[in-house]
């Protein structure tokens, strides 16, 4: 019997891909408006993406490093313009997918709910709080706090134990095969792949849904097995 359901955050509960793209593009525009001496917005945007790939998405000084890479003297005004534009854009796009809140409220009637997420703890909590769904989860496990990332088994095992359950009693819901699905399966959990559009094929998952709001229906199939 399934007793616990865990969710990834990014691109599972909200559209993080669109948020990141729009926030980065808007930050580039704002930096150019603030005096960044370039006219080719696409060139600056590609340079920013290279910085993010090199330093990782959780680095705190992407815009400072961008100026270095572009050979531009450090300017607090230009950096601040990028930061403000990013944050303003985030406020507009950091919203749960339609139907997520009612779905979580429905699931809470029958299951314990949790989050398993790679990333900085404060940033992950910030997302949940900003979306207004943080209070709907019984446990939030982040890789920063545990020193273990998905697909490593440790973070899944910690989350399962935190709810007082066994892996076979839990389901992991996520959009990535390499981290969410394969990691959870190695731990002994059931898995549901959220496969929107041309997402990854679902061969490795126990079930696949086209939208996260279809999870309750998938869970009912598990209970009939």
N, C-alpha and C. Protein backbone atom coordinates (compact mmCIF):
# COMPACT_ATOMS: atom_id res chain seq x y z
N UNK A 1 0.84 -1.20 0.00
CA UNK A 1 0.00 0.00 0.00
C UNK A 1 0.87 1.25 0.00
N UNK A 2 0.55 2.22 -0.84
CA UNK A 2 1.29 3.47 -0.89
C UNK A 2 0.79 4.39 0.23
N UNK A 3 1.74 4.91 1.01
CA UNK A 3 1.38 5.78 2.12
C UNK A 3 2.02 7.16 2.02
N UNK A 4 3.09 7.28 1.23
CA UNK A 4 3.79 8.56 1.12
C UNK A 4 4.08 8.91 -0.34
N UNK A 5 3.96 10.20 -0.65
CA UNK A 5 4.24 10.68 -2.00
C UNK A 5 5.22 11.84 -1.92
N UNK A 6 6.33 11.72 -2.62
CA UNK A 6 7.36 12.75 -2.64
C UNK A 6 7.41 13.42 -4.01
N UNK A 7 7.69 14.72 -4.01
CA UNK A 7 7.75 15.49 -5.24
C UNK A 7 9.10 16.17 -5.39
N UNK A 8 9.59 16.21 -6.62
CA UNK A 8 10.64 17.14 -7.01
C UNK A 8 9.98 18.53 -7.10
N UNK A 9 10.79 19.60 -7.16
CA UNK A 9 10.22 20.95 -7.26
C UNK A 9 10.30 21.49 -8.68
N UNK A 10 11.52 21.69 -9.18
CA UNK A 10 11.72 22.37 -10.46
C UNK A 10 11.18 21.56 -11.63
N UNK A 11 10.34 22.20 -12.44
CA UNK A 11 9.70 21.60 -13.61
C UNK A 11 8.80 20.43 -13.26
N UNK A 12 8.51 20.26 -11.98
CA UNK A 12 7.52 19.29 -11.53
C UNK A 12 6.33 20.00 -10.92
N UNK A 13 6.61 20.89 -9.97
CA UNK A 13 5.54 21.66 -9.34
C UNK A 13 5.34 23.03 -9.99
N UNK A 14 6.36 23.52 -10.67
CA UNK A 14 6.24 24.80 -11.39
C UNK A 14 7.17 24.79 -12.58
N UNK A 15 6.99 25.75 -13.48
CA UNK A 15 7.74 25.79 -14.74
C UNK A 15 9.06 26.55 -14.54
N UNK A 16 10.05 25.85 -14.01
CA UNK A 16 11.33 26.49 -13.72
C UNK A 16 12.12 26.79 -14.99
N UNK A 17 11.92 26.02 -16.05
CA UNK A 17 12.65 26.26 -17.29
C UNK A 17 12.27 27.61 -17.89
N UNK A 18 10.99 27.89 -17.95
CA UNK A 18 10.55 29.17 -18.48
C UNK A 18 10.97 30.31 -17.58
N UNK A 19 10.85 30.12 -16.28
CA UNK A 19 11.26 31.16 -15.34
C UNK A 19 12.73 31.52 -15.54
N UNK A 20 13.59 30.52 -15.58
CA UNK A 20 15.02 30.79 -15.71
C UNK A 20 15.34 31.50 -17.02
N UNK A 21 14.73 31.04 -18.11
CA UNK A 21 15.01 31.66 -19.41
C UNK A 21 14.57 33.13 -19.42
N UNK A 22 13.36 33.39 -18.98
CA UNK A 22 12.85 34.76 -19.00
C UNK A 22 13.59 35.65 -18.02
N UNK A 23 13.90 35.14 -16.85
CA UNK A 23 14.60 35.95 -15.85
C UNK A 23 16.01 36.32 -16.33
N UNK A 24 16.68 35.37 -16.97
CA UNK A 24 18.03 35.64 -17.46
C UNK A 24 18.00 36.62 -18.62
N UNK A 25 17.05 36.46 -19.51
CA UNK A 25 16.96 37.40 -20.64
C UNK A 25 16.61 38.81 -20.15
N UNK A 26 15.68 38.90 -19.21
CA UNK A 26 15.31 40.22 -18.68
C UNK A 26 16.46 40.86 -17.92
N UNK A 27 17.26 40.04 -17.24
CA UNK A 27 18.40 40.60 -16.52
C UNK A 27 19.44 41.15 -17.49
N UNK A 28 19.65 40.47 -18.61
CA UNK A 28 20.58 40.96 -19.63
C UNK A 28 20.10 42.30 -20.19
N UNK A 29 18.82 42.39 -20.50
CA UNK A 29 18.26 43.65 -21.00
C UNK A 29 18.45 44.78 -19.99
N UNK A 30 18.21 44.47 -18.72
CA UNK A 30 18.34 45.49 -17.68
C UNK A 30 19.78 45.95 -17.52
N UNK A 31 20.72 45.02 -17.61
CA UNK A 31 22.13 45.37 -17.48
C UNK A 31 22.58 46.25 -18.65
N UNK A 32 22.08 45.95 -19.84
CA UNK A 32 22.42 46.78 -21.00
C UNK A 32 21.79 48.17 -20.86
N UNK A 33 20.58 48.23 -20.34
CA UNK A 33 19.94 49.53 -20.10
C UNK A 33 20.69 50.33 -19.04
N UNK A 34 21.36 49.61 -18.12
CA UNK A 34 22.08 50.28 -17.04
C UNK A 34 23.50 50.68 -17.44
N UNK A 35 23.90 50.37 -18.68
CA UNK A 35 25.21 50.82 -19.13
C UNK A 35 26.16 49.76 -19.60
N UNK A 36 25.74 48.48 -19.62
CA UNK A 36 26.62 47.44 -20.15
C UNK A 36 26.89 47.75 -21.62
N UNK A 37 28.17 47.95 -21.99
CA UNK A 37 28.49 48.48 -23.33
C UNK A 37 28.45 47.44 -24.45
N UNK A 38 27.28 46.81 -24.64
CA UNK A 38 27.09 45.85 -25.72
C UNK A 38 25.74 46.12 -26.36
N UNK A 39 25.66 45.92 -27.68
CA UNK A 39 24.41 46.10 -28.39
C UNK A 39 23.76 44.77 -28.76
N UNK A 40 24.55 43.71 -28.77
CA UNK A 40 24.05 42.40 -29.18
C UNK A 40 23.54 41.65 -27.93
N UNK A 41 22.25 41.72 -27.70
CA UNK A 41 21.66 41.09 -26.51
C UNK A 41 21.87 39.59 -26.51
N UNK A 42 21.76 38.95 -27.68
CA UNK A 42 21.91 37.51 -27.74
C UNK A 42 23.33 37.08 -27.36
N UNK A 43 24.32 37.85 -27.76
CA UNK A 43 25.71 37.54 -27.41
C UNK A 43 25.91 37.60 -25.90
N UNK A 44 25.34 38.59 -25.25
CA UNK A 44 25.47 38.72 -23.80
C UNK A 44 24.73 37.58 -23.11
N UNK A 45 23.56 37.25 -23.62
CA UNK A 45 22.78 36.16 -23.04
C UNK A 45 23.54 34.84 -23.13
N UNK A 46 24.15 34.57 -24.27
CA UNK A 46 24.93 33.33 -24.41
C UNK A 46 26.13 33.34 -23.47
N UNK A 47 26.73 34.50 -23.29
CA UNK A 47 27.86 34.61 -22.35
C UNK A 47 27.41 34.31 -20.93
N UNK A 48 26.21 34.80 -20.57
CA UNK A 48 25.68 34.52 -19.23
C UNK A 48 25.43 33.03 -19.05
N UNK A 49 24.90 32.36 -20.06
CA UNK A 49 24.66 30.92 -19.96
C UNK A 49 25.96 30.16 -19.77
N UNK A 50 27.03 30.62 -20.43
CA UNK A 50 28.33 29.97 -20.24
C UNK A 50 28.81 30.13 -18.81
N UNK A 51 28.61 31.30 -18.24
CA UNK A 51 29.00 31.53 -16.84
C UNK A 51 28.22 30.59 -15.91
N UNK A 52 26.93 30.47 -16.15
CA UNK A 52 26.09 29.61 -15.30
C UNK A 52 26.50 28.16 -15.43
N UNK A 53 26.80 27.71 -16.65
CA UNK A 53 27.25 26.32 -16.82
C UNK A 53 28.58 26.09 -16.11
N UNK A 54 29.46 27.07 -16.17
CA UNK A 54 30.79 26.92 -15.57
C UNK A 54 30.74 26.92 -14.04
N UNK A 55 29.94 27.81 -13.48
CA UNK A 55 29.92 27.99 -12.03
C UNK A 55 28.78 27.27 -11.34
N UNK A 56 27.79 26.80 -12.11
CA UNK A 56 26.63 26.15 -11.51
C UNK A 56 25.53 27.15 -11.21
N UNK A 57 24.29 26.69 -11.19
CA UNK A 57 23.16 27.61 -11.03
C UNK A 57 23.06 28.25 -9.65
N UNK A 58 23.73 27.68 -8.65
CA UNK A 58 23.60 28.21 -7.29
C UNK A 58 24.70 29.20 -6.91
N UNK A 59 25.58 29.51 -7.85
CA UNK A 59 26.62 30.50 -7.58
C UNK A 59 25.98 31.86 -7.34
N UNK A 60 26.52 32.63 -6.41
CA UNK A 60 25.87 33.89 -6.00
C UNK A 60 26.33 35.10 -6.79
N UNK A 61 27.30 34.95 -7.69
CA UNK A 61 27.83 36.13 -8.38
C UNK A 61 27.95 35.92 -9.89
N UNK A 62 26.89 35.42 -10.48
CA UNK A 62 26.89 35.20 -11.93
C UNK A 62 27.15 36.50 -12.69
N UNK A 63 26.52 37.59 -12.28
CA UNK A 63 26.63 38.83 -13.04
C UNK A 63 28.00 39.48 -12.88
N UNK A 64 28.60 39.34 -11.71
CA UNK A 64 29.97 39.82 -11.53
C UNK A 64 30.92 39.08 -12.47
N UNK A 65 30.73 37.74 -12.52
CA UNK A 65 31.59 36.94 -13.38
C UNK A 65 31.32 37.23 -14.86
N UNK A 66 30.09 37.55 -15.18
CA UNK A 66 29.75 37.90 -16.56
C UNK A 66 30.53 39.14 -17.00
N UNK A 67 30.60 40.13 -16.16
CA UNK A 67 31.36 41.34 -16.50
C UNK A 67 32.82 41.01 -16.74
N UNK A 68 33.39 40.14 -15.91
CA UNK A 68 34.78 39.73 -16.10
C UNK A 68 34.97 39.06 -17.45
N UNK A 69 34.06 38.13 -17.77
CA UNK A 69 34.18 37.40 -19.03
C UNK A 69 34.03 38.31 -20.24
N UNK A 70 33.24 39.36 -20.08
CA UNK A 70 33.04 40.30 -21.18
C UNK A 70 34.11 41.38 -21.24
N UNK A 71 35.02 41.36 -20.26
CA UNK A 71 36.09 42.37 -20.23
C UNK A 71 35.60 43.74 -19.82
N UNK A 72 34.52 43.77 -19.03
CA UNK A 72 33.93 45.04 -18.59
C UNK A 72 34.31 45.30 -17.14
N UNK A 73 34.77 46.48 -16.79
CA UNK A 73 35.07 46.79 -15.39
C UNK A 73 33.87 46.56 -14.49
N UNK A 74 34.12 46.10 -13.28
CA UNK A 74 33.03 45.80 -12.35
C UNK A 74 32.22 47.06 -12.08
N UNK A 75 30.90 46.93 -12.13
CA UNK A 75 30.00 48.05 -11.89
C UNK A 75 28.86 47.60 -11.01
N UNK A 76 28.78 48.10 -9.78
CA UNK A 76 27.67 47.69 -8.90
C UNK A 76 26.31 48.06 -9.47
N UNK A 77 26.26 49.15 -10.23
CA UNK A 77 24.99 49.56 -10.84
C UNK A 77 24.51 48.52 -11.85
N UNK A 78 25.42 48.06 -12.71
CA UNK A 78 25.04 47.10 -13.74
C UNK A 78 24.68 45.76 -13.11
N UNK A 79 25.47 45.32 -12.15
CA UNK A 79 25.18 44.05 -11.47
C UNK A 79 23.83 44.13 -10.76
N UNK A 80 23.59 45.22 -10.05
CA UNK A 80 22.33 45.37 -9.32
C UNK A 80 21.14 45.38 -10.27
N UNK A 81 21.31 46.00 -11.44
CA UNK A 81 20.22 46.02 -12.42
C UNK A 81 19.85 44.60 -12.85
N UNK A 82 20.86 43.76 -13.05
CA UNK A 82 20.60 42.38 -13.41
C UNK A 82 19.89 41.62 -12.30
N UNK A 83 20.33 41.82 -11.07
CA UNK A 83 19.73 41.13 -9.93
C UNK A 83 18.27 41.53 -9.76
N UNK A 84 18.00 42.84 -9.82
CA UNK A 84 16.63 43.32 -9.63
C UNK A 84 15.71 42.79 -10.73
N UNK A 85 16.18 42.81 -11.98
CA UNK A 85 15.36 42.31 -13.08
C UNK A 85 15.06 40.82 -12.91
N UNK A 86 16.06 40.08 -12.45
CA UNK A 86 15.86 38.65 -12.23
C UNK A 86 14.79 38.43 -11.18
N UNK A 87 14.90 39.13 -10.06
CA UNK A 87 13.96 38.95 -8.96
C UNK A 87 12.55 39.38 -9.35
N UNK A 88 12.43 40.46 -10.10
CA UNK A 88 11.11 40.91 -10.54
C UNK A 88 10.47 39.87 -11.47
N UNK A 89 11.28 39.30 -12.34
CA UNK A 89 10.75 38.29 -13.24
C UNK A 89 10.33 37.04 -12.47
N UNK A 90 11.14 36.67 -11.50
CA UNK A 90 10.83 35.49 -10.69
C UNK A 90 9.48 35.64 -10.00
N UNK A 91 9.18 36.85 -9.53
CA UNK A 91 7.91 37.08 -8.86
C UNK A 91 6.73 36.80 -9.79
N UNK A 92 6.92 37.05 -11.08
CA UNK A 92 5.84 36.82 -12.03
C UNK A 92 5.70 35.38 -12.49
N UNK A 93 6.79 34.61 -12.45
CA UNK A 93 6.77 33.26 -13.00
C UNK A 93 6.81 32.15 -11.96
N UNK A 94 7.17 32.48 -10.72
CA UNK A 94 7.27 31.44 -9.70
C UNK A 94 5.88 31.15 -9.12
N UNK A 95 5.12 30.41 -9.89
CA UNK A 95 3.76 30.03 -9.51
C UNK A 95 3.58 28.55 -9.81
N UNK A 96 2.86 27.84 -8.97
CA UNK A 96 2.64 26.41 -9.24
C UNK A 96 1.87 26.21 -10.54
N UNK A 97 2.10 25.08 -11.18
CA UNK A 97 1.31 24.74 -12.35
C UNK A 97 -0.18 24.77 -11.98
N UNK A 98 -1.05 25.11 -12.92
CA UNK A 98 -2.49 25.11 -12.64
C UNK A 98 -2.95 23.77 -12.07
N UNK A 99 -3.71 23.83 -11.00
CA UNK A 99 -4.26 22.62 -10.39
C UNK A 99 -3.38 21.97 -9.35
N UNK A 100 -2.16 22.47 -9.14
CA UNK A 100 -1.26 21.84 -8.18
C UNK A 100 -1.78 21.94 -6.75
N UNK A 101 -2.25 23.11 -6.36
CA UNK A 101 -2.73 23.27 -4.98
C UNK A 101 -3.92 22.36 -4.68
N UNK A 102 -4.96 22.34 -5.50
CA UNK A 102 -6.06 21.40 -5.24
C UNK A 102 -5.60 19.94 -5.23
N UNK A 103 -4.65 19.61 -6.09
CA UNK A 103 -4.15 18.24 -6.13
C UNK A 103 -3.48 17.87 -4.82
N UNK A 104 -2.62 18.76 -4.32
CA UNK A 104 -1.93 18.48 -3.06
C UNK A 104 -2.92 18.36 -1.90
N UNK A 105 -3.92 19.22 -1.89
CA UNK A 105 -4.94 19.15 -0.84
C UNK A 105 -5.69 17.82 -0.91
N UNK A 106 -5.95 17.36 -2.11
CA UNK A 106 -6.63 16.07 -2.28
C UNK A 106 -5.75 14.93 -1.79
N UNK A 107 -4.48 14.96 -2.16
CA UNK A 107 -3.58 13.88 -1.76
C UNK A 107 -3.37 13.82 -0.25
N UNK A 108 -3.38 14.97 0.40
CA UNK A 108 -3.15 15.00 1.84
C UNK A 108 -4.21 14.22 2.62
N UNK A 109 -5.34 13.98 2.01
CA UNK A 109 -6.40 13.23 2.69
C UNK A 109 -6.00 11.76 2.88
N UNK A 110 -5.16 11.25 1.98
CA UNK A 110 -4.84 9.82 2.00
C UNK A 110 -3.35 9.50 2.14
N UNK A 111 -2.47 10.51 1.94
CA UNK A 111 -1.03 10.23 1.93
C UNK A 111 -0.27 11.26 2.75
N UNK A 112 0.91 10.84 3.23
CA UNK A 112 1.89 11.80 3.74
C UNK A 112 2.62 12.37 2.53
N UNK A 113 2.92 13.67 2.56
CA UNK A 113 3.55 14.31 1.42
C UNK A 113 4.92 14.86 1.79
N UNK A 114 5.84 14.79 0.82
CA UNK A 114 7.18 15.31 1.05
C UNK A 114 7.79 15.85 -0.23
N UNK A 115 8.93 16.51 -0.06
CA UNK A 115 9.71 17.05 -1.18
C UNK A 115 11.13 16.50 -1.08
N UNK A 116 11.69 16.09 -2.20
CA UNK A 116 13.10 15.69 -2.28
C UNK A 116 13.71 16.50 -3.41
N UNK A 117 14.66 17.39 -3.07
CA UNK A 117 15.14 18.35 -4.06
C UNK A 117 16.64 18.57 -3.94
N UNK A 118 17.31 18.59 -5.09
CA UNK A 118 18.70 19.03 -5.13
C UNK A 118 18.74 20.55 -5.11
N UNK A 119 19.70 21.10 -4.36
CA UNK A 119 19.83 22.55 -4.34
C UNK A 119 20.05 23.09 -2.94
N UNK A 120 20.19 24.41 -2.87
CA UNK A 120 20.40 25.08 -1.60
C UNK A 120 19.10 25.10 -0.80
N UNK A 121 19.20 24.82 0.49
CA UNK A 121 17.99 24.68 1.31
C UNK A 121 17.14 25.94 1.31
N UNK A 122 17.76 27.10 1.50
CA UNK A 122 16.98 28.34 1.57
C UNK A 122 16.29 28.60 0.24
N UNK A 123 16.98 28.37 -0.87
CA UNK A 123 16.37 28.61 -2.19
C UNK A 123 15.18 27.68 -2.42
N UNK A 124 15.31 26.42 -2.00
CA UNK A 124 14.21 25.49 -2.23
C UNK A 124 13.01 25.85 -1.35
N UNK A 125 13.28 26.21 -0.11
CA UNK A 125 12.19 26.66 0.76
C UNK A 125 11.57 27.95 0.24
N UNK A 126 12.41 28.84 -0.29
CA UNK A 126 11.90 30.08 -0.85
C UNK A 126 10.88 29.80 -1.96
N UNK A 127 11.19 28.84 -2.82
CA UNK A 127 10.27 28.49 -3.90
C UNK A 127 8.94 28.00 -3.34
N UNK A 128 9.00 27.09 -2.37
CA UNK A 128 7.78 26.53 -1.81
C UNK A 128 6.94 27.59 -1.11
N UNK A 129 7.61 28.48 -0.37
CA UNK A 129 6.90 29.53 0.35
C UNK A 129 6.30 30.53 -0.64
N UNK A 130 7.08 30.90 -1.66
CA UNK A 130 6.61 31.85 -2.65
C UNK A 130 5.37 31.31 -3.37
N UNK A 131 5.35 30.00 -3.62
CA UNK A 131 4.20 29.39 -4.29
C UNK A 131 3.03 29.17 -3.34
N UNK A 132 3.26 29.34 -2.04
CA UNK A 132 2.19 29.17 -1.06
C UNK A 132 1.83 27.73 -0.80
N UNK A 133 2.78 26.81 -0.96
CA UNK A 133 2.48 25.39 -0.77
C UNK A 133 3.37 24.74 0.29
N UNK A 134 4.22 25.51 0.94
CA UNK A 134 5.17 24.92 1.89
C UNK A 134 4.47 24.18 3.03
N UNK A 135 3.31 24.66 3.45
CA UNK A 135 2.60 24.07 4.59
C UNK A 135 1.90 22.76 4.23
N UNK A 136 1.91 22.38 2.96
CA UNK A 136 1.22 21.16 2.54
C UNK A 136 2.11 19.92 2.60
N UNK A 137 3.39 20.11 2.95
CA UNK A 137 4.33 18.98 2.98
C UNK A 137 4.73 18.65 4.42
N UNK A 138 4.81 17.36 4.67
CA UNK A 138 5.21 16.89 6.00
C UNK A 138 6.72 16.88 6.17
N UNK A 139 7.46 16.87 5.06
CA UNK A 139 8.93 16.82 5.13
C UNK A 139 9.50 17.40 3.85
N UNK A 140 10.57 18.17 3.98
CA UNK A 140 11.31 18.71 2.83
C UNK A 140 12.78 18.33 3.01
N UNK A 141 13.30 17.53 2.09
CA UNK A 141 14.70 17.10 2.13
C UNK A 141 15.46 17.77 1.00
N UNK A 142 16.52 18.50 1.35
CA UNK A 142 17.34 19.16 0.34
C UNK A 142 18.76 18.61 0.37
N UNK A 143 19.39 18.60 -0.79
CA UNK A 143 20.73 18.03 -0.89
C UNK A 143 21.75 18.81 -0.08
N UNK A 144 21.58 20.12 0.05
CA UNK A 144 22.53 20.91 0.82
C UNK A 144 22.56 20.46 2.27
N UNK A 145 21.41 20.24 2.86
CA UNK A 145 21.34 19.85 4.26
C UNK A 145 21.90 18.46 4.51
N UNK A 146 21.71 17.56 3.55
CA UNK A 146 22.12 16.17 3.75
C UNK A 146 23.51 15.88 3.22
N UNK A 147 24.03 16.76 2.36
CA UNK A 147 25.32 16.48 1.74
C UNK A 147 25.22 15.31 0.78
N UNK A 148 24.03 15.07 0.25
CA UNK A 148 23.80 13.97 -0.69
C UNK A 148 22.79 14.44 -1.72
N UNK A 149 23.09 14.21 -3.00
CA UNK A 149 22.20 14.64 -4.08
C UNK A 149 21.51 13.47 -4.74
N UNK A 150 20.30 13.73 -5.26
CA UNK A 150 19.71 12.76 -6.19
C UNK A 150 20.64 12.62 -7.39
N UNK A 151 20.89 11.45 -7.90
CA UNK A 151 20.20 10.19 -7.66
C UNK A 151 20.78 9.31 -6.56
N UNK A 152 21.65 9.83 -5.73
CA UNK A 152 22.18 9.04 -4.63
C UNK A 152 21.06 8.54 -3.73
N UNK A 153 21.21 7.34 -3.20
CA UNK A 153 20.13 6.74 -2.42
C UNK A 153 19.94 7.41 -1.06
N UNK A 154 20.99 8.02 -0.52
CA UNK A 154 20.92 8.53 0.85
C UNK A 154 19.79 9.54 1.05
N UNK A 155 19.63 10.47 0.11
CA UNK A 155 18.61 11.50 0.28
C UNK A 155 17.20 10.90 0.22
N UNK A 156 17.00 9.88 -0.60
CA UNK A 156 15.70 9.21 -0.66
C UNK A 156 15.44 8.43 0.62
N UNK A 157 16.46 7.73 1.09
CA UNK A 157 16.31 6.95 2.32
C UNK A 157 16.00 7.86 3.51
N UNK A 158 16.70 9.00 3.57
CA UNK A 158 16.44 9.96 4.65
C UNK A 158 14.99 10.42 4.63
N UNK A 159 14.49 10.76 3.45
CA UNK A 159 13.12 11.27 3.33
C UNK A 159 12.11 10.21 3.75
N UNK A 160 12.31 9.00 3.30
CA UNK A 160 11.39 7.91 3.64
C UNK A 160 11.38 7.68 5.14
N UNK A 161 12.57 7.61 5.74
CA UNK A 161 12.65 7.41 7.20
C UNK A 161 12.00 8.57 7.94
N UNK A 162 12.15 9.78 7.39
CA UNK A 162 11.59 10.95 8.05
C UNK A 162 10.08 10.89 8.19
N UNK A 163 9.43 10.17 7.31
CA UNK A 163 7.98 10.00 7.40
C UNK A 163 7.60 8.70 8.11
N UNK A 164 8.61 7.99 8.58
CA UNK A 164 8.35 6.74 9.29
C UNK A 164 7.80 5.65 8.40
N UNK A 165 8.24 5.65 7.13
CA UNK A 165 7.72 4.70 6.16
C UNK A 165 8.84 3.83 5.60
N UNK A 166 8.46 2.87 4.76
CA UNK A 166 9.40 2.03 4.04
C UNK A 166 9.43 2.46 2.57
N UNK A 167 10.55 2.26 1.86
CA UNK A 167 10.61 2.66 0.46
C UNK A 167 9.46 2.12 -0.39
N UNK A 168 9.07 0.87 -0.16
CA UNK A 168 8.01 0.26 -0.96
C UNK A 168 6.65 0.91 -0.71
N UNK A 169 6.56 1.71 0.35
CA UNK A 169 5.30 2.39 0.67
C UNK A 169 5.26 3.81 0.10
N UNK A 170 6.30 4.18 -0.66
CA UNK A 170 6.42 5.56 -1.13
C UNK A 170 6.55 5.65 -2.64
N UNK A 171 6.12 6.78 -3.16
CA UNK A 171 6.23 7.08 -4.58
C UNK A 171 6.99 8.38 -4.75
N UNK A 172 7.89 8.43 -5.73
CA UNK A 172 8.61 9.65 -6.09
C UNK A 172 8.05 10.18 -7.40
N UNK A 173 7.70 11.47 -7.41
CA UNK A 173 7.17 12.12 -8.61
C UNK A 173 8.18 13.16 -9.08
N UNK A 174 8.63 13.06 -10.33
CA UNK A 174 9.60 14.02 -10.85
C UNK A 174 9.63 14.03 -12.35
N UNK A 175 10.35 15.00 -12.90
CA UNK A 175 10.41 15.16 -14.35
C UNK A 175 11.69 14.63 -14.97
N UNK A 176 12.64 14.18 -14.15
CA UNK A 176 13.93 13.75 -14.69
C UNK A 176 14.18 12.27 -14.40
N UNK A 177 14.49 11.53 -15.46
CA UNK A 177 14.82 10.13 -15.29
C UNK A 177 16.12 9.93 -14.53
N UNK A 178 17.13 10.75 -14.85
CA UNK A 178 18.47 10.51 -14.32
C UNK A 178 18.55 10.75 -12.82
N UNK A 179 17.77 11.66 -12.29
CA UNK A 179 17.86 11.96 -10.86
C UNK A 179 16.64 11.46 -10.08
N UNK A 180 15.47 11.90 -10.49
CA UNK A 180 14.26 11.58 -9.73
C UNK A 180 13.87 10.11 -9.83
N UNK A 181 13.81 9.60 -11.04
CA UNK A 181 13.25 8.27 -11.25
C UNK A 181 14.25 7.16 -10.93
N UNK A 182 15.44 7.22 -11.53
CA UNK A 182 16.41 6.14 -11.31
C UNK A 182 16.89 6.09 -9.87
N UNK A 183 17.09 7.27 -9.26
CA UNK A 183 17.51 7.30 -7.86
C UNK A 183 16.48 6.69 -6.94
N UNK A 184 15.23 7.05 -7.13
CA UNK A 184 14.16 6.52 -6.28
C UNK A 184 13.99 5.02 -6.48
N UNK A 185 14.10 4.56 -7.72
CA UNK A 185 13.94 3.13 -7.97
C UNK A 185 15.04 2.32 -7.29
N UNK A 186 16.26 2.86 -7.31
CA UNK A 186 17.35 2.15 -6.63
C UNK A 186 17.10 2.04 -5.13
N UNK A 187 16.37 3.00 -4.60
CA UNK A 187 16.05 3.01 -3.17
C UNK A 187 14.89 2.06 -2.86
N UNK A 188 14.17 1.62 -3.89
CA UNK A 188 13.05 0.71 -3.68
C UNK A 188 11.70 1.39 -3.70
N UNK A 189 11.66 2.65 -4.14
CA UNK A 189 10.40 3.40 -4.22
C UNK A 189 9.72 3.17 -5.55
N UNK A 190 8.42 3.38 -5.59
CA UNK A 190 7.70 3.45 -6.85
C UNK A 190 7.95 4.83 -7.47
N UNK A 191 7.73 4.96 -8.76
CA UNK A 191 8.05 6.23 -9.42
C UNK A 191 6.98 6.64 -10.42
N UNK A 192 6.78 7.96 -10.53
CA UNK A 192 5.89 8.53 -11.54
C UNK A 192 6.66 9.63 -12.25
N UNK A 193 6.80 9.48 -13.55
CA UNK A 193 7.50 10.47 -14.37
C UNK A 193 6.50 11.50 -14.90
N UNK A 194 6.79 12.77 -14.67
CA UNK A 194 6.00 13.84 -15.27
C UNK A 194 6.64 14.14 -16.61
N UNK A 195 5.96 13.76 -17.66
CA UNK A 195 6.53 13.86 -19.01
C UNK A 195 5.71 14.84 -19.83
N UNK A 196 6.07 16.11 -19.77
CA UNK A 196 5.34 17.14 -20.51
C UNK A 196 5.97 17.33 -21.89
N UNK A 197 5.13 17.40 -22.92
CA UNK A 197 5.65 17.64 -24.27
C UNK A 197 6.57 16.52 -24.71
N UNK A 198 7.77 16.89 -25.17
CA UNK A 198 8.74 15.91 -25.67
C UNK A 198 9.74 15.54 -24.60
N UNK A 199 9.24 15.31 -23.39
CA UNK A 199 10.11 14.94 -22.29
C UNK A 199 10.67 13.55 -22.44
N UNK A 200 11.43 13.07 -21.45
CA UNK A 200 12.07 11.76 -21.54
C UNK A 200 11.05 10.63 -21.60
N UNK A 201 11.43 9.53 -22.26
CA UNK A 201 10.55 8.38 -22.35
C UNK A 201 10.40 7.73 -20.98
N UNK A 202 9.28 7.08 -20.77
CA UNK A 202 8.91 6.62 -19.43
C UNK A 202 9.27 5.17 -19.15
N UNK A 203 10.14 4.58 -19.95
CA UNK A 203 10.42 3.15 -19.78
C UNK A 203 10.92 2.80 -18.38
N UNK A 204 11.68 3.69 -17.76
CA UNK A 204 12.27 3.37 -16.47
C UNK A 204 11.34 3.68 -15.29
N UNK A 205 10.21 4.35 -15.54
CA UNK A 205 9.29 4.72 -14.47
C UNK A 205 8.15 3.70 -14.36
N UNK A 206 7.56 3.61 -13.18
CA UNK A 206 6.42 2.72 -12.99
C UNK A 206 5.17 3.27 -13.67
N UNK A 207 5.11 4.60 -13.78
CA UNK A 207 3.98 5.24 -14.45
C UNK A 207 4.44 6.57 -14.99
N UNK A 208 3.71 7.09 -15.98
CA UNK A 208 4.03 8.40 -16.55
C UNK A 208 2.74 9.20 -16.69
N UNK A 209 2.85 10.51 -16.47
CA UNK A 209 1.70 11.40 -16.61
C UNK A 209 2.12 12.59 -17.46
N UNK A 210 1.16 13.19 -18.15
CA UNK A 210 1.45 14.34 -18.97
C UNK A 210 1.45 15.64 -18.20
N UNK A 211 0.88 15.62 -17.00
CA UNK A 211 0.86 16.80 -16.13
C UNK A 211 0.85 16.30 -14.69
N UNK A 212 1.46 17.06 -13.80
CA UNK A 212 1.59 16.61 -12.42
C UNK A 212 0.21 16.44 -11.76
N UNK A 213 -0.79 17.14 -12.26
CA UNK A 213 -2.13 17.02 -11.68
C UNK A 213 -2.77 15.67 -11.96
N UNK A 214 -2.16 14.86 -12.82
CA UNK A 214 -2.66 13.52 -13.09
C UNK A 214 -2.13 12.49 -12.10
N UNK A 215 -1.30 12.91 -11.15
CA UNK A 215 -0.70 11.99 -10.19
C UNK A 215 -1.75 11.22 -9.38
N UNK A 216 -2.81 11.86 -8.87
CA UNK A 216 -3.79 11.09 -8.09
C UNK A 216 -4.35 9.89 -8.86
N UNK A 217 -4.61 10.07 -10.15
CA UNK A 217 -5.14 8.96 -10.95
C UNK A 217 -4.10 7.84 -11.06
N UNK A 218 -2.83 8.21 -11.24
CA UNK A 218 -1.77 7.20 -11.32
C UNK A 218 -1.63 6.44 -10.01
N UNK A 219 -1.78 7.14 -8.91
CA UNK A 219 -1.67 6.48 -7.61
C UNK A 219 -2.78 5.45 -7.41
N UNK A 220 -3.95 5.72 -7.94
CA UNK A 220 -5.06 4.76 -7.82
C UNK A 220 -4.73 3.47 -8.57
N UNK A 221 -3.98 3.59 -9.67
CA UNK A 221 -3.58 2.38 -10.40
C UNK A 221 -2.65 1.52 -9.56
N UNK A 222 -1.76 2.18 -8.80
CA UNK A 222 -0.86 1.41 -7.93
C UNK A 222 -1.65 0.62 -6.90
N UNK A 223 -2.69 1.22 -6.36
CA UNK A 223 -3.45 0.57 -5.29
C UNK A 223 -4.21 -0.65 -5.81
N UNK A 224 -4.41 -0.74 -7.13
CA UNK A 224 -5.14 -1.88 -7.69
C UNK A 224 -4.21 -3.04 -8.05
N UNK A 225 -2.90 -2.79 -7.97
CA UNK A 225 -1.97 -3.86 -8.37
C UNK A 225 -1.87 -4.92 -7.29
